[in-house]
Amino acid sequence: MTTADFYFPTQPRPLIVFIDGRVHLGKTQMFKDEELRTLLRKKGYRVVELFYHSYSDKKKGRAVSSNPRWQSENNNRHVE
């Protein structure tokens, strides 16, 4: 199981967005990410991976609050 940064229940295939920081550049984490995301794609999800160099929860809060489409049910969805 994983926690996606954003989940959009689009049809016919839901969209899952992962926003990855530096920790995802390590070989072990890169392998885990690829394995998991490949499995999600095989299960029919569309997966988008975004990378950032410098990011904080404060900036994330501003980004989410400024876009009403990202509020409420689209944030931090658990995916199995």
N, C-alpha and C. Protein backbone atom coordinates (compact mmCIF):
# COMPACT_ATOMS: atom_id res chain seq x y z
N MET A 1 0.84 -1.17 0.00
CA MET A 1 0.00 0.00 0.00
C MET A 1 0.90 1.24 0.00
N THR A 2 0.37 2.33 -0.53
CA THR A 2 1.09 3.60 -0.57
C THR A 2 0.11 4.75 -0.37
N THR A 3 0.64 5.92 -0.15
CA THR A 3 -0.18 7.12 -0.07
C THR A 3 0.19 8.02 -1.24
N ALA A 4 -0.77 8.30 -2.08
CA ALA A 4 -0.55 9.20 -3.22
C ALA A 4 -0.69 10.64 -2.75
N ASP A 5 -0.03 11.55 -3.43
CA ASP A 5 -0.17 12.96 -3.09
C ASP A 5 -1.51 13.50 -3.57
N PHE A 6 -1.95 13.03 -4.73
CA PHE A 6 -3.26 13.43 -5.26
C PHE A 6 -3.89 12.23 -5.97
N TYR A 7 -5.20 12.17 -5.87
CA TYR A 7 -5.98 11.12 -6.54
C TYR A 7 -7.17 11.78 -7.22
N PHE A 8 -7.33 11.48 -8.50
CA PHE A 8 -8.45 12.01 -9.26
C PHE A 8 -9.24 10.84 -9.83
N PRO A 9 -10.49 10.67 -9.42
CA PRO A 9 -11.28 9.51 -9.85
C PRO A 9 -11.83 9.69 -11.27
N THR A 10 -10.94 9.93 -12.21
CA THR A 10 -11.33 10.15 -13.60
C THR A 10 -11.74 8.84 -14.26
N GLN A 11 -12.53 8.95 -15.30
CA GLN A 11 -13.00 7.77 -16.03
C GLN A 11 -12.36 7.76 -17.41
N PRO A 12 -12.00 6.67 -17.97
CA PRO A 12 -12.24 5.33 -17.46
C PRO A 12 -11.16 4.85 -16.50
N ARG A 13 -10.04 5.60 -16.37
CA ARG A 13 -8.96 5.17 -15.49
C ARG A 13 -8.62 6.27 -14.50
N PRO A 14 -8.66 5.98 -13.20
CA PRO A 14 -8.31 6.99 -12.19
C PRO A 14 -6.85 7.45 -12.36
N LEU A 15 -6.60 8.68 -11.96
CA LEU A 15 -5.26 9.27 -12.03
C LEU A 15 -4.68 9.40 -10.64
N ILE A 16 -3.44 8.92 -10.47
CA ILE A 16 -2.71 9.02 -9.21
C ILE A 16 -1.48 9.87 -9.47
N VAL A 17 -1.25 10.88 -8.61
CA VAL A 17 -0.09 11.76 -8.76
C VAL A 17 0.82 11.60 -7.55
N PHE A 18 2.10 11.35 -7.82
CA PHE A 18 3.12 11.28 -6.78
C PHE A 18 4.06 12.46 -6.97
N ILE A 19 4.33 13.20 -5.90
CA ILE A 19 5.28 14.30 -5.94
C ILE A 19 6.48 13.86 -5.09
N ASP A 20 7.58 13.60 -5.77
CA ASP A 20 8.75 13.00 -5.13
C ASP A 20 9.86 14.01 -4.86
N GLY A 21 10.47 13.90 -3.70
CA GLY A 21 11.61 14.72 -3.32
C GLY A 21 12.90 13.93 -3.44
N ARG A 22 13.95 14.46 -2.86
CA ARG A 22 15.29 13.88 -2.98
C ARG A 22 15.39 12.44 -2.48
N VAL A 23 14.61 12.09 -1.47
CA VAL A 23 14.67 10.73 -0.93
C VAL A 23 14.38 9.69 -2.01
N HIS A 24 13.64 10.08 -3.02
CA HIS A 24 13.27 9.15 -4.10
C HIS A 24 14.39 8.97 -5.12
N LEU A 25 15.53 9.64 -4.94
CA LEU A 25 16.66 9.50 -5.85
C LEU A 25 17.59 8.36 -5.45
N GLY A 26 17.43 7.84 -4.25
CA GLY A 26 18.26 6.70 -3.80
C GLY A 26 17.90 5.44 -4.57
N LYS A 27 18.90 4.59 -4.81
CA LYS A 27 18.67 3.38 -5.61
C LYS A 27 17.58 2.48 -5.03
N THR A 28 17.61 2.27 -3.73
CA THR A 28 16.61 1.40 -3.10
C THR A 28 15.21 1.98 -3.25
N GLN A 29 15.06 3.27 -2.99
CA GLN A 29 13.75 3.91 -3.10
C GLN A 29 13.29 3.96 -4.54
N MET A 30 14.21 4.22 -5.47
CA MET A 30 13.84 4.25 -6.89
C MET A 30 13.29 2.88 -7.33
N PHE A 31 13.93 1.82 -6.86
CA PHE A 31 13.47 0.47 -7.19
C PHE A 31 12.08 0.23 -6.62
N LYS A 32 11.86 0.59 -5.36
CA LYS A 32 10.55 0.41 -4.72
C LYS A 32 9.47 1.22 -5.45
N ASP A 33 9.80 2.47 -5.78
CA ASP A 33 8.84 3.33 -6.48
C ASP A 33 8.45 2.72 -7.83
N GLU A 34 9.45 2.27 -8.58
CA GLU A 34 9.17 1.72 -9.91
C GLU A 34 8.34 0.44 -9.81
N GLU A 35 8.67 -0.41 -8.85
CA GLU A 35 7.92 -1.65 -8.66
C GLU A 35 6.45 -1.36 -8.33
N LEU A 36 6.23 -0.47 -7.39
CA LEU A 36 4.87 -0.13 -6.96
C LEU A 36 4.09 0.55 -8.08
N ARG A 37 4.70 1.50 -8.74
CA ARG A 37 3.98 2.25 -9.77
C ARG A 37 3.70 1.41 -11.00
N THR A 38 4.57 0.47 -11.29
CA THR A 38 4.30 -0.49 -12.37
C THR A 38 3.08 -1.32 -12.02
N LEU A 39 3.00 -1.77 -10.79
CA LEU A 39 1.84 -2.55 -10.33
C LEU A 39 0.56 -1.73 -10.43
N LEU A 40 0.61 -0.46 -10.02
CA LEU A 40 -0.57 0.40 -10.12
C LEU A 40 -1.01 0.58 -11.57
N ARG A 41 -0.05 0.75 -12.47
CA ARG A 41 -0.39 0.87 -13.90
C ARG A 41 -1.04 -0.42 -14.42
N LYS A 42 -0.51 -1.55 -13.99
CA LYS A 42 -1.09 -2.84 -14.41
C LYS A 42 -2.51 -3.01 -13.88
N LYS A 43 -2.81 -2.38 -12.74
CA LYS A 43 -4.16 -2.45 -12.18
C LYS A 43 -5.10 -1.45 -12.83
N GLY A 44 -4.60 -0.67 -13.80
CA GLY A 44 -5.46 0.22 -14.54
C GLY A 44 -5.41 1.70 -14.16
N TYR A 45 -4.55 2.06 -13.22
CA TYR A 45 -4.41 3.46 -12.84
C TYR A 45 -3.48 4.18 -13.82
N ARG A 46 -3.75 5.45 -14.04
CA ARG A 46 -2.77 6.31 -14.72
C ARG A 46 -1.92 6.92 -13.61
N VAL A 47 -0.61 6.93 -13.79
CA VAL A 47 0.31 7.40 -12.76
C VAL A 47 1.16 8.54 -13.31
N VAL A 48 1.18 9.66 -12.59
CA VAL A 48 2.03 10.79 -12.92
C VAL A 48 3.02 10.97 -11.79
N GLU A 49 4.30 11.10 -12.15
CA GLU A 49 5.37 11.30 -11.18
C GLU A 49 6.01 12.66 -11.41
N LEU A 50 6.00 13.49 -10.39
CA LEU A 50 6.62 14.82 -10.45
C LEU A 50 7.75 14.87 -9.43
N PHE A 51 8.81 15.57 -9.75
CA PHE A 51 9.96 15.69 -8.86
C PHE A 51 10.16 17.15 -8.47
N TYR A 52 10.61 17.37 -7.25
CA TYR A 52 10.93 18.73 -6.80
C TYR A 52 12.26 18.70 -6.06
N HIS A 53 12.99 19.81 -6.15
CA HIS A 53 14.27 19.94 -5.45
C HIS A 53 14.11 20.56 -4.08
N SER A 54 13.26 21.55 -4.00
CA SER A 54 13.07 22.29 -2.76
C SER A 54 11.59 22.49 -2.53
N TYR A 55 11.11 22.00 -1.43
CA TYR A 55 9.67 22.01 -1.19
C TYR A 55 9.42 21.96 0.30
N SER A 56 8.32 22.53 0.74
CA SER A 56 7.97 22.47 2.16
C SER A 56 6.48 22.27 2.29
N ASP A 57 6.04 21.80 3.45
CA ASP A 57 4.61 21.63 3.70
C ASP A 57 3.88 22.96 3.59
N LYS A 58 4.55 24.04 3.97
CA LYS A 58 3.93 25.36 3.89
C LYS A 58 3.59 25.70 2.43
N LYS A 59 4.53 25.43 1.52
CA LYS A 59 4.29 25.69 0.10
C LYS A 59 3.19 24.78 -0.43
N LYS A 60 3.18 23.53 0.01
CA LYS A 60 2.15 22.59 -0.44
C LYS A 60 0.78 23.09 0.00
N GLY A 61 0.67 23.56 1.23
CA GLY A 61 -0.61 24.07 1.74
C GLY A 61 -1.12 25.24 0.92
N ARG A 62 -0.23 26.13 0.53
CA ARG A 62 -0.64 27.26 -0.31
C ARG A 62 -1.09 26.79 -1.68
N ALA A 63 -0.39 25.83 -2.26
CA ALA A 63 -0.75 25.33 -3.59
C ALA A 63 -2.12 24.66 -3.56
N VAL A 64 -2.36 23.85 -2.55
CA VAL A 64 -3.62 23.13 -2.46
C VAL A 64 -4.77 24.10 -2.18
N SER A 65 -4.56 25.03 -1.25
CA SER A 65 -5.65 25.94 -0.89
C SER A 65 -5.97 26.92 -2.01
N SER A 66 -5.04 27.15 -2.92
CA SER A 66 -5.30 28.09 -4.01
C SER A 66 -6.03 27.43 -5.18
N ASN A 67 -6.15 26.13 -5.15
CA ASN A 67 -6.83 25.43 -6.24
C ASN A 67 -7.96 24.60 -5.66
N PRO A 68 -9.21 25.04 -5.77
CA PRO A 68 -10.34 24.34 -5.16
C PRO A 68 -10.50 22.90 -5.66
N ARG A 69 -10.04 22.60 -6.87
CA ARG A 69 -10.16 21.23 -7.39
C ARG A 69 -9.32 20.25 -6.58
N TRP A 70 -8.27 20.75 -5.90
CA TRP A 70 -7.39 19.86 -5.14
C TRP A 70 -7.83 19.72 -3.69
N GLN A 71 -8.81 20.46 -3.29
CA GLN A 71 -9.24 20.41 -1.89
C GLN A 71 -10.09 19.18 -1.63
N SER A 72 -10.31 18.91 -0.41
CA SER A 72 -11.15 17.83 0.11
C SER A 72 -10.69 16.46 -0.33
N GLU A 73 -11.52 15.74 -1.09
CA GLU A 73 -11.26 14.32 -1.30
C GLU A 73 -10.09 14.01 -2.20
N ASN A 74 -9.48 14.94 -2.88
CA ASN A 74 -8.40 14.64 -3.81
C ASN A 74 -7.03 14.58 -3.16
N ASN A 75 -6.91 14.92 -1.90
CA ASN A 75 -5.60 14.96 -1.25
C ASN A 75 -5.31 13.69 -0.45
N ASN A 76 -4.08 13.24 -0.58
CA ASN A 76 -3.55 12.15 0.23
C ASN A 76 -4.46 10.92 0.26
N ARG A 77 -4.68 10.33 -0.88
CA ARG A 77 -5.48 9.12 -0.97
C ARG A 77 -4.60 7.90 -0.77
N HIS A 78 -5.05 6.97 0.04
CA HIS A 78 -4.38 5.69 0.19
C HIS A 78 -4.76 4.80 -0.97
N VAL A 79 -3.76 4.15 -1.54
CA VAL A 79 -3.99 3.29 -2.70
C VAL A 79 -3.48 1.90 -2.38
N GLU A 80 -4.30 0.91 -2.68
CA GLU A 80 -3.90 -0.48 -2.45
C GLU A 80 -3.74 -1.19 -3.76
